[in-house]
Amino acid sequence: MPLIIIWILVISFIAALVRSTLGFGESLVAVPLFLLFLPATTAVPLSVMLSIIIALIIVIQDHRKIHFYSARWLIFYAIPGIPLGLLILVYGNEHLVKTVLGLLITGYALYTLTVKNTKCLNADSQLWLFICGFLSGVFGGAYGLNGPPLVVYGNLRKWPAVQFRATLQAYFLPVSLLGFTGYAAKGLVTAELNYYFLAALTTSVPAIFLGRWLNGKLNNRSFLRYVLYGLMIIGVILILAAWYQDPAKTI
């Protein structure tokens, strides 16, 4: 088995486990690690394709816990942001994309770990739905990173963990499908990408069910802190790789 496939299997398992356990974070793990040995035009679509499968399974499992009003407006406002993100992905400088992604991941992790947000929305806010939804579309189209703006909105609304996990999947499913359509239109869905995706399913699908079990067994806050510490390390490695590693080099 080629070494690159082994890495894809391992990364896909970890990413799906994180997403299924916490409700978000799969792309924060998968994209930067995929980018260490795959070009952005392969790494990001691969992460989005995995996101579709993960979200579909979780929505089927937890559809009764979804806050549909919030999910609907977040999706609506994300749509105009996706084309802008696609332009950044296709025409942006790969070194710059990796650097920005690393900074976003590191900054997000540091913010979540150190800042206690006291602001609370007692009801849905169209302004915050627009800000978080639009940014999630841009980040998703460019980097496959829809999650951080959604996490901000979920924290503002103080959703319970179960509702938070389910509602985010109701967002991720249609938005990821839209993103995938955009990648296909740009000719990014290749035979090589499909091969990597089918290989990734062999470890990511079992991880989804394991994550659901862990969700009810683990202390989510403690688990999230470990994930965020890992993300900071990944972010730093990604920034260094952007400037000191040949983008065409593969493992």
C-alpha atoms as a PDB file:
ATOM      1  CA  MET A   1       0.000   0.000   0.000  1.00  0.00           C
ATOM      2  CA  PRO A   2       1.480   3.418  -0.943  1.00  0.00           C
ATOM      3  CA  LEU A   3       2.555   5.497   2.038  1.00  0.00           C
ATOM      4  CA  ILE A   4       0.322   8.361   0.935  1.00  0.00           C
ATOM      5  CA  ILE A   5      -2.763   6.102   1.254  1.00  0.00           C
ATOM      6  CA  ILE A   6      -1.731   5.039   4.754  1.00  0.00           C
ATOM      7  CA  TRP A   7      -1.531   8.687   5.782  1.00  0.00           C
ATOM      8  CA  ILE A   8      -4.953   9.394   4.242  1.00  0.00           C
ATOM      9  CA  LEU A   9      -6.478   6.456   6.153  1.00  0.00           C
ATOM     10  CA  VAL A  10      -5.009   7.626   9.467  1.00  0.00           C
ATOM     11  CA  ILE A  11      -5.914  11.291   9.005  1.00  0.00           C
ATOM     12  CA  SER A  12      -9.447  10.469   7.838  1.00  0.00           C
ATOM     13  CA  PHE A  13     -10.046   8.301  10.897  1.00  0.00           C
ATOM     14  CA  ILE A  14      -8.845  10.981  13.324  1.00  0.00           C
ATOM     15  CA  ALA A  15     -10.732  13.775  11.554  1.00  0.00           C
ATOM     16  CA  ALA A  16     -14.009  11.840  11.412  1.00  0.00           C
ATOM     17  CA  LEU A  17     -13.640  10.841  15.055  1.00  0.00           C
ATOM     18  CA  VAL A  18     -13.186  14.467  16.121  1.00  0.00           C
ATOM     19  CA  ARG A  19     -16.147  15.640  14.016  1.00  0.00           C
ATOM     20  CA  SER A  20     -18.462  12.876  15.198  1.00  0.00           C
ATOM     21  CA  THR A  21     -17.510  13.348  18.840  1.00  0.00           C
ATOM     22  CA  LEU A  22     -17.674  17.151  18.986  1.00  0.00           C
ATOM     23  CA  GLY A  23     -19.891  18.031  16.034  1.00  0.00           C
ATOM     24  CA  PHE A  24     -17.202  20.095  14.292  1.00  0.00           C
ATOM     25  CA  GLY A  25     -13.454  20.236  13.755  1.00  0.00           C
ATOM     26  CA  GLU A  26     -12.970  17.551  11.109  1.00  0.00           C
ATOM     27  CA  SER A  27     -11.724  20.011   8.490  1.00  0.00           C
ATOM     28  CA  LEU A  28      -9.464  21.703  11.053  1.00  0.00           C
ATOM     29  CA  VAL A  29      -7.692  18.379  11.415  1.00  0.00           C
ATOM     30  CA  ALA A  30      -7.961  16.958   7.894  1.00  0.00           C
ATOM     31  CA  VAL A  31      -7.162  19.952   5.688  1.00  0.00           C
ATOM     32  CA  PRO A  32      -3.866  21.066   7.255  1.00  0.00           C
ATOM     33  CA  LEU A  33      -2.587  17.494   7.499  1.00  0.00           C
ATOM     34  CA  PHE A  34      -3.651  16.662   3.934  1.00  0.00           C
ATOM     35  CA  LEU A  35      -1.911  19.847   2.784  1.00  0.00           C
ATOM     36  CA  LEU A  36       1.404  18.517   4.068  1.00  0.00           C
ATOM     37  CA  PHE A  37       1.510  16.048   1.158  1.00  0.00           C
ATOM     38  CA  LEU A  38      -1.338  16.994  -1.199  1.00  0.00           C
ATOM     39  CA  PRO A  39      -1.956  20.202  -3.184  1.00  0.00           C
ATOM     40  CA  ALA A  40      -4.754  22.447  -1.914  1.00  0.00           C
ATOM     41  CA  THR A  41      -6.889  21.646  -4.961  1.00  0.00           C
ATOM     42  CA  THR A  42      -6.935  17.992  -3.846  1.00  0.00           C
ATOM     43  CA  ALA A  43      -6.786  18.316  -0.059  1.00  0.00           C
ATOM     44  CA  VAL A  44      -9.754  20.678   0.305  1.00  0.00           C
ATOM     45  CA  PRO A  45     -12.200  18.792  -1.981  1.00  0.00           C
ATOM     46  CA  LEU A  46     -11.225  15.530  -0.268  1.00  0.00           C
ATOM     47  CA  SER A  47     -12.052  17.020   3.125  1.00  0.00           C
ATOM     48  CA  VAL A  48     -15.389  18.337   1.811  1.00  0.00           C
ATOM     49  CA  MET A  49     -16.332  14.945   0.376  1.00  0.00           C
ATOM     50  CA  LEU A  50     -15.649  13.350   3.755  1.00  0.00           C
ATOM     51  CA  SER A  51     -17.689  16.101   5.419  1.00  0.00           C
ATOM     52  CA  ILE A  52     -20.711  15.179   3.289  1.00  0.00           C
ATOM     53  CA  ILE A  53     -20.625  11.555   4.442  1.00  0.00           C
ATOM     54  CA  ILE A  54     -20.075  12.453   8.102  1.00  0.00           C
ATOM     55  CA  ALA A  55     -22.873  15.036   8.138  1.00  0.00           C
ATOM     56  CA  LEU A  56     -25.305  12.726   6.331  1.00  0.00           C
ATOM     57  CA  ILE A  57     -24.872   9.932   8.853  1.00  0.00           C
ATOM     58  CA  ILE A  58     -25.135  12.265  11.880  1.00  0.00           C
ATOM     59  CA  VAL A  59     -28.221  14.048  10.489  1.00  0.00           C
ATOM     60  CA  ILE A  60     -29.929  10.688  10.070  1.00  0.00           C
ATOM     61  CA  GLN A  61     -28.988   9.781  13.638  1.00  0.00           C
ATOM     62  CA  ASP A  62     -29.913  13.098  15.345  1.00  0.00           C
ATOM     63  CA  HIS A  63     -32.418  14.888  13.088  1.00  0.00           C
ATOM     64  CA  ARG A  64     -34.857  15.464  15.978  1.00  0.00           C
ATOM     65  CA  LYS A  65     -32.311  17.652  17.807  1.00  0.00           C
ATOM     66  CA  ILE A  66     -31.616  20.094  14.945  1.00  0.00           C
ATOM     67  CA  HIS A  67     -32.384  23.837  15.345  1.00  0.00           C
ATOM     68  CA  PHE A  68     -33.686  24.224  11.797  1.00  0.00           C
ATOM     69  CA  TYR A  69     -34.271  28.003  11.872  1.00  0.00           C
ATOM     70  CA  SER A  70     -30.627  28.786  12.628  1.00  0.00           C
ATOM     71  CA  ALA A  71     -29.335  26.147  10.227  1.00  0.00           C
ATOM     72  CA  ARG A  72     -31.530  27.454   7.401  1.00  0.00           C
ATOM     73  CA  TRP A  73     -30.302  31.061   7.671  1.00  0.00           C
ATOM     74  CA  LEU A  74     -26.661  30.092   8.150  1.00  0.00           C
ATOM     75  CA  ILE A  75     -26.889  28.070   4.933  1.00  0.00           C
ATOM     76  CA  PHE A  76     -28.620  30.918   3.085  1.00  0.00           C
ATOM     77  CA  TYR A  77     -25.946  33.450   4.028  1.00  0.00           C
ATOM     78  CA  ALA A  78     -23.114  31.003   3.294  1.00  0.00           C
ATOM     79  CA  ILE A  79     -24.124  30.571  -0.362  1.00  0.00           C
ATOM     80  CA  PRO A  80     -22.740  33.932  -1.633  1.00  0.00           C
ATOM     81  CA  GLY A  81     -19.511  33.326   0.286  1.00  0.00           C
ATOM     82  CA  ILE A  82     -18.703  29.981  -1.360  1.00  0.00           C
ATOM     83  CA  PRO A  83     -17.839  31.380  -4.841  1.00  0.00           C
ATOM     84  CA  LEU A  84     -15.483  33.905  -3.248  1.00  0.00           C
ATOM     85  CA  GLY A  85     -13.778  31.091  -1.374  1.00  0.00           C
ATOM     86  CA  LEU A  86     -13.483  29.032  -4.568  1.00  0.00           C
ATOM     87  CA  LEU A  87     -11.742  31.921  -6.306  1.00  0.00           C
ATOM     88  CA  ILE A  88      -9.264  32.117  -3.448  1.00  0.00           C
ATOM     89  CA  LEU A  89      -8.610  28.368  -3.682  1.00  0.00           C
ATOM     90  CA  VAL A  90      -8.170  28.174  -7.463  1.00  0.00           C
ATOM     91  CA  TYR A  91      -6.341  31.445  -8.127  1.00  0.00           C
ATOM     92  CA  GLY A  92      -4.713  32.161  -4.787  1.00  0.00           C
ATOM     93  CA  ASN A  93      -1.026  31.609  -4.051  1.00  0.00           C
ATOM     94  CA  GLU A  94      -0.617  28.173  -2.431  1.00  0.00           C
ATOM     95  CA  HIS A  95       2.125  29.385  -0.064  1.00  0.00           C
ATOM     96  CA  LEU A  96      -0.142  32.210   1.052  1.00  0.00           C
ATOM     97  CA  VAL A  97      -3.159  29.909   1.396  1.00  0.00           C
ATOM     98  CA  LYS A  98      -1.209  27.539   3.651  1.00  0.00           C
ATOM     99  CA  THR A  99       0.117  30.428   5.734  1.00  0.00           C
ATOM    100  CA  VAL A 100      -3.311  31.998   6.181  1.00  0.00           C
ATOM    101  CA  LEU A 101      -4.804  28.624   7.032  1.00  0.00           C
ATOM    102  CA  GLY A 102      -2.106  28.000   9.645  1.00  0.00           C
ATOM    103  CA  LEU A 103      -2.655  31.431  11.183  1.00  0.00           C
ATOM    104  CA  LEU A 104      -6.442  30.910  11.218  1.00  0.00           C
ATOM    105  CA  ILE A 105      -6.129  27.552  12.946  1.00  0.00           C
ATOM    106  CA  THR A 106      -3.604  28.796  15.519  1.00  0.00           C
ATOM    107  CA  GLY A 107      -5.561  31.981  16.199  1.00  0.00           C
ATOM    108  CA  TYR A 108      -8.847  30.107  16.518  1.00  0.00           C
ATOM    109  CA  ALA A 109      -7.351  27.606  18.949  1.00  0.00           C
ATOM    110  CA  LEU A 110      -5.703  30.308  21.085  1.00  0.00           C
ATOM    111  CA  TYR A 111      -8.887  32.367  21.145  1.00  0.00           C
ATOM    112  CA  THR A 112     -11.060  29.431  22.162  1.00  0.00           C
ATOM    113  CA  LEU A 113      -8.623  28.370  24.880  1.00  0.00           C
ATOM    114  CA  THR A 114      -7.943  31.776  26.420  1.00  0.00           C
ATOM    115  CA  VAL A 115     -10.974  34.011  25.890  1.00  0.00           C
ATOM    116  CA  LYS A 116     -14.202  33.561  27.797  1.00  0.00           C
ATOM    117  CA  ASN A 117     -16.952  35.036  25.675  1.00  0.00           C
ATOM    118  CA  THR A 118     -19.608  36.562  27.925  1.00  0.00           C
ATOM    119  CA  LYS A 119     -21.813  37.793  25.066  1.00  0.00           C
ATOM    120  CA  CYS A 120     -25.011  35.813  24.725  1.00  0.00           C
ATOM    121  CA  LEU A 121     -27.837  35.881  22.189  1.00  0.00           C
ATOM    122  CA  ASN A 122     -31.173  34.929  23.714  1.00  0.00           C
ATOM    123  CA  ALA A 123     -32.696  34.649  20.241  1.00  0.00           C
ATOM    124  CA  ASP A 124     -31.447  34.309  16.683  1.00  0.00           C
ATOM    125  CA  SER A 125     -29.850  37.492  15.319  1.00  0.00           C
ATOM    126  CA  GLN A 126     -29.992  38.132  11.571  1.00  0.00           C
ATOM    127  CA  LEU A 127     -26.823  40.229  11.787  1.00  0.00           C
ATOM    128  CA  TRP A 128     -24.833  37.470  13.473  1.00  0.00           C
ATOM    129  CA  LEU A 129     -26.395  34.832  11.245  1.00  0.00           C
ATOM    130  CA  PHE A 130     -25.199  36.826   8.224  1.00  0.00           C
ATOM    131  CA  ILE A 131     -21.670  37.429   9.569  1.00  0.00           C
ATOM    132  CA  CYS A 132     -21.095  33.847  10.666  1.00  0.00           C
ATOM    133  CA  GLY A 133     -22.891  32.305   7.694  1.00  0.00           C
ATOM    134  CA  PHE A 134     -21.079  34.384   5.056  1.00  0.00           C
ATOM    135  CA  LEU A 135     -17.639  33.834   6.616  1.00  0.00           C
ATOM    136  CA  SER A 136     -18.314  30.126   6.901  1.00  0.00           C
ATOM    137  CA  GLY A 137     -19.055  30.059   3.160  1.00  0.00           C
ATOM    138  CA  VAL A 138     -15.826  31.901   2.318  1.00  0.00           C
ATOM    139  CA  PHE A 139     -13.673  29.747   4.606  1.00  0.00           C
ATOM    140  CA  GLY A 140     -15.424  26.618   3.407  1.00  0.00           C
ATOM    141  CA  GLY A 141     -14.988  27.376  -0.269  1.00  0.00           C
ATOM    142  CA  ALA A 142     -11.326  28.309   0.117  1.00  0.00           C
ATOM    143  CA  TYR A 143     -10.069  26.014   2.852  1.00  0.00           C
ATOM    144  CA  GLY A 144     -12.890  23.602   3.728  1.00  0.00           C
ATOM    145  CA  LEU A 145     -13.050  25.397   7.099  1.00  0.00           C
ATOM    146  CA  ASN A 146     -16.726  26.191   7.590  1.00  0.00           C
ATOM    147  CA  GLY A 147     -16.548  25.361  11.285  1.00  0.00           C
ATOM    148  CA  PRO A 148     -14.980  28.307  13.171  1.00  0.00           C
ATOM    149  CA  PRO A 149     -17.664  30.923  12.328  1.00  0.00           C
ATOM    150  CA  LEU A 150     -20.368  28.365  13.156  1.00  0.00           C
ATOM    151  CA  VAL A 151     -18.753  27.610  16.501  1.00  0.00           C
ATOM    152  CA  VAL A 152     -18.798  31.345  17.263  1.00  0.00           C
ATOM    153  CA  TYR A 153     -22.535  31.508  16.563  1.00  0.00           C
ATOM    154  CA  GLY A 154     -23.270  28.351  18.538  1.00  0.00           C
ATOM    155  CA  ASN A 155     -21.368  29.771  21.509  1.00  0.00           C
ATOM    156  CA  LEU A 156     -23.276  33.058  21.256  1.00  0.00           C
ATOM    157  CA  ARG A 157     -26.569  31.163  21.303  1.00  0.00           C
ATOM    158  CA  LYS A 158     -25.390  28.907  24.145  1.00  0.00           C
ATOM    159  CA  TRP A 159     -26.801  25.810  22.475  1.00  0.00           C
ATOM    160  CA  PRO A 160     -26.651  22.616  24.540  1.00  0.00           C
ATOM    161  CA  ALA A 161     -23.993  20.187  23.328  1.00  0.00           C
ATOM    162  CA  VAL A 162     -26.464  17.785  21.703  1.00  0.00           C
ATOM    163  CA  GLN A 163     -28.301  20.549  19.830  1.00  0.00           C
ATOM    164  CA  PHE A 164     -24.993  22.177  18.882  1.00  0.00           C
ATOM    165  CA  ARG A 165     -23.688  18.943  17.334  1.00  0.00           C
ATOM    166  CA  ALA A 166     -26.908  18.185  15.449  1.00  0.00           C
ATOM    167  CA  THR A 167     -27.542  21.713  14.139  1.00  0.00           C
ATOM    168  CA  LEU A 168     -24.055  22.062  12.727  1.00  0.00           C
ATOM    169  CA  GLN A 169     -24.514  18.871  10.728  1.00  0.00           C
ATOM    170  CA  ALA A 170     -27.731  20.236   9.228  1.00  0.00           C
ATOM    171  CA  TYR A 171     -25.598  23.141   8.000  1.00  0.00           C
ATOM    172  CA  PHE A 172     -22.602  21.098   6.889  1.00  0.00           C
ATOM    173  CA  LEU A 173     -24.565  18.689   4.707  1.00  0.00           C
ATOM    174  CA  PRO A 174     -26.093  21.079   2.126  1.00  0.00           C
ATOM    175  CA  VAL A 175     -23.173  23.540   2.221  1.00  0.00           C
ATOM    176  CA  SER A 176     -20.648  20.769   1.669  1.00  0.00           C
ATOM    177  CA  LEU A 177     -22.763  19.517  -1.231  1.00  0.00           C
ATOM    178  CA  LEU A 178     -22.714  23.028  -2.730  1.00  0.00           C
ATOM    179  CA  GLY A 179     -18.973  23.229  -2.248  1.00  0.00           C
ATOM    180  CA  PHE A 180     -18.507  19.856  -3.913  1.00  0.00           C
ATOM    181  CA  THR A 181     -20.614  21.028  -6.874  1.00  0.00           C
ATOM    182  CA  GLY A 182     -18.327  24.027  -7.226  1.00  0.00           C
ATOM    183  CA  TYR A 183     -15.212  21.854  -7.150  1.00  0.00           C
ATOM    184  CA  ALA A 184     -16.717  19.580  -9.797  1.00  0.00           C
ATOM    185  CA  ALA A 185     -17.545  22.570 -12.006  1.00  0.00           C
ATOM    186  CA  LYS A 186     -13.941  23.739 -11.714  1.00  0.00           C
ATOM    187  CA  GLY A 187     -12.691  20.310 -12.794  1.00  0.00           C
ATOM    188  CA  LEU A 188     -11.171  19.494  -9.398  1.00  0.00           C
ATOM    189  CA  VAL A 189     -12.994  16.161  -8.980  1.00  0.00           C
ATOM    190  CA  THR A 190     -10.521  13.806 -10.621  1.00  0.00           C
ATOM    191  CA  ALA A 191     -10.059  10.032 -10.704  1.00  0.00           C
ATOM    192  CA  GLU A 192      -7.183  10.438  -8.247  1.00  0.00           C
ATOM    193  CA  LEU A 193      -9.394  12.381  -5.824  1.00  0.00           C
ATOM    194  CA  ASN A 194     -12.139   9.748  -6.032  1.00  0.00           C
ATOM    195  CA  TYR A 195      -9.573   7.038  -5.342  1.00  0.00           C
ATOM    196  CA  TYR A 196      -8.362   8.855  -2.227  1.00  0.00           C
ATOM    197  CA  PHE A 197     -11.985   9.416  -1.117  1.00  0.00           C
ATOM    198  CA  LEU A 198     -12.981   5.757  -1.431  1.00  0.00           C
ATOM    199  CA  ALA A 199      -9.887   4.761   0.521  1.00  0.00           C
ATOM    200  CA  ALA A 200     -10.683   7.328   3.239  1.00  0.00           C
ATOM    201  CA  LEU A 201     -14.199   5.922   3.718  1.00  0.00           C
ATOM    202  CA  THR A 202     -12.793   2.636   5.025  1.00  0.00           C
ATOM    203  CA  THR A 203     -11.584   4.358   8.203  1.00  0.00           C
ATOM    204  CA  SER A 204     -13.824   7.442   8.439  1.00  0.00           C
ATOM    205  CA  VAL A 205     -17.181   5.597   8.510  1.00  0.00           C
ATOM    206  CA  PRO A 206     -16.271   3.397  11.501  1.00  0.00           C
ATOM    207  CA  ALA A 207     -14.898   6.521  13.213  1.00  0.00           C
ATOM    208  CA  ILE A 208     -18.294   8.231  12.889  1.00  0.00           C
ATOM    209  CA  PHE A 209     -20.003   5.525  14.941  1.00  0.00           C
ATOM    210  CA  LEU A 210     -17.152   5.375  17.429  1.00  0.00           C
ATOM    211  CA  GLY A 211     -17.374   9.153  17.840  1.00  0.00           C
ATOM    212  CA  ARG A 212     -21.088   8.970  18.583  1.00  0.00           C
ATOM    213  CA  TRP A 213     -20.352   6.476  21.347  1.00  0.00           C
ATOM    214  CA  LEU A 214     -17.521   8.632  22.716  1.00  0.00           C
ATOM    215  CA  ASN A 215     -19.775  11.676  22.691  1.00  0.00           C
ATOM    216  CA  GLY A 216     -21.811  10.135  25.462  1.00  0.00           C
ATOM    217  CA  LYS A 217     -18.798   8.856  27.405  1.00  0.00           C
ATOM    218  CA  LEU A 218     -16.149  11.583  27.331  1.00  0.00           C
ATOM    219  CA  ASN A 219     -15.899  14.976  28.955  1.00  0.00           C
ATOM    220  CA  ASN A 220     -16.290  17.124  25.852  1.00  0.00           C
ATOM    221  CA  ARG A 221     -14.607  20.198  27.334  1.00  0.00           C
ATOM    222  CA  SER A 222     -11.463  18.336  28.317  1.00  0.00           C
ATOM    223  CA  PHE A 223     -11.405  16.516  24.995  1.00  0.00           C
ATOM    224  CA  LEU A 224     -11.819  19.800  23.105  1.00  0.00           C
ATOM    225  CA  ARG A 225      -8.838  21.325  24.932  1.00  0.00           C
ATOM    226  CA  TYR A 226      -6.572  18.494  23.817  1.00  0.00           C
ATOM    227  CA  VAL A 227      -7.819  18.900  20.239  1.00  0.00           C
ATOM    228  CA  LEU A 228      -7.135  22.645  20.331  1.00  0.00           C
ATOM    229  CA  TYR A 229      -3.604  22.151  21.632  1.00  0.00           C
ATOM    230  CA  GLY A 230      -3.031  19.749  18.756  1.00  0.00           C
ATOM    231  CA  LEU A 231      -4.454  22.272  16.298  1.00  0.00           C
ATOM    232  CA  MET A 232      -1.993  24.911  17.459  1.00  0.00           C
ATOM    233  CA  ILE A 233       0.873  22.528  16.745  1.00  0.00           C
ATOM    234  CA  ILE A 234      -0.594  21.654  13.342  1.00  0.00           C
ATOM    235  CA  GLY A 235      -1.040  25.350  12.522  1.00  0.00           C
ATOM    236  CA  VAL A 236       2.617  26.111  13.278  1.00  0.00           C
ATOM    237  CA  ILE A 237       3.792  23.096  11.251  1.00  0.00           C
ATOM    238  CA  LEU A 238       1.607  24.169   8.320  1.00  0.00           C
ATOM    239  CA  ILE A 239       3.035  27.699   8.332  1.00  0.00           C
ATOM    240  CA  LEU A 240       6.583  26.342   8.364  1.00  0.00           C
ATOM    241  CA  ALA A 241       5.757  23.851   5.609  1.00  0.00           C
ATOM    242  CA  ALA A 242       4.355  26.651   3.442  1.00  0.00           C
ATOM    243  CA  TRP A 243       7.732  28.347   3.242  1.00  0.00           C
ATOM    244  CA  TYR A 244      10.291  25.582   3.780  1.00  0.00           C
ATOM    245  CA  GLN A 245       8.753  22.624   1.939  1.00  0.00           C
ATOM    246  CA  ASP A 246       8.349  22.195  -1.788  1.00  0.00           C
ATOM    247  CA  PRO A 247       4.558  22.371  -2.453  1.00  0.00           C
ATOM    248  CA  ALA A 248       4.911  19.634  -5.092  1.00  0.00           C
ATOM    249  CA  LYS A 249       6.674  17.296  -2.688  1.00  0.00           C
ATOM    250  CA  THR A 250       4.674  14.341  -1.406  1.00  0.00           C
ATOM    251  CA  ILE A 251       5.265  11.877   1.351  1.00  0.00           C
END
